[in-house]
Amino acid sequence: MVGSLVLAVALAAACGGGDDDSSTVGQKPEEVEDLPDSTVLEAAQEEGSVVWYTSIPEAAVEEVADGFAAAYDIEVEVVRFPSTTLMQRYASERDAGTVQGDVINVAETAFFEDGLEQGWWAEFDDSEMPALGKWPTDLVTDDRYTLVNTQPIGVAYNTDHLQEGDVDSWEDLGNPDLDGELVLVNPENTPFYLSWAMLLREEYGVELLSQIADLSPSVTDSAVPGAQQLAAGEDHVMVPAVLSGVVEVQEAGAPVETTFPTPTVGVEQYAAASADGPNPNAAKLFVNYLLTRTGQEQLNRGYAASPLEDIPDALPLPDDYRATDAEAVLAERDSLLADLGL
């Protein structure tokens, strides 16, 4: 997954934005689409800041924070860690009675469902969050949290050792020639990676998972060190892979590409606003911004798919994409891990 980053983005730092008409940098609030009523906006600006707990890639974090700060004159403090770390941190703060995060987005539906039961999340209201009027209603759960983007899961490979077409299908992962050359991102760490294993078992039978296990894959806890192993040629293939896990080595010039066999699943990111966070109005304004077309363009650029159509530079979902049934996947957790030899 992602490494750690803690940063604050103030308006003064964000406004060097030049004349790019496609950017919100330098815009005034009245020029931003789906603007809430003046009561919410003024209350949010009086609060003056919003704390965003997120596990999305660094480049997207910075672009969203810069755009929001420039548009609304509200400072964004970003706390960026892997989803598991953020969930533990937020739950610990709740246990201690000190909510610090205004907005949290992580890839874990069970966390948000638990928060629903405990009353952690603020209600989404159309008058306070007008972007909801253009948002797919089936993606919003109990008016408290919503899907904001999806990273499709594929296969990353070292192009010095494999050619295009060598791993175009999931069945190619069972090739004995990959013995000792596969790095497996531990699916124990996220239900969405478990969902990938469940997809393979349902489509191709337990035999494919057993074949992968027989290749003696190296196992890594996150995609970032796995991608580094791939870039160094220590391994030739990495699964399950998402673009945010390999973008750093690709930008450094490593011979790494990603392909997306179908059918596939993905890492689905959700967002909610804290019901009693330090900046409740800024929190709702920020979630509203994430749901606008501008926010979605910034959030998804080059690595993820948006729930909205025709978002520039967002990924299209692969053919036959299948949403994750987290409850069903978690019920099969132990058997899936055993099938993979874990």
Foldseek 3Di string as FASTA:
>chain_A
DDAWDKDKDFLVNLQVPPDPPLALRQAEQVPDPQRADPVLLVLLVVLQEAEEEEAAFPQLVVRLQSNVNRHRRHMYIYTYHAQVVSLVVQVVCVVVVHHAHFKYKHQAVVSVVVCVVVVFFAAADCNLQVLVVVFPPVQQDPRFKGWFWWFWWFKKFFCVVDPPPCPQALLSLLDLVQQQQEEEQDCVQHLQLLQQLVVCCVVPNLVSLLSNLRSVHHYDPDLQVVLVCRLVSSHTMYPRDFCSNNVVSVVVPGRMDTHHHPDTETRIMMMGGTNDHSRNSNSSVSVSCSSDLSNSLSNAAQTIAGSDPPRPRHDDRDPNYDYDPSVVSVVCVVVSCVSNVD
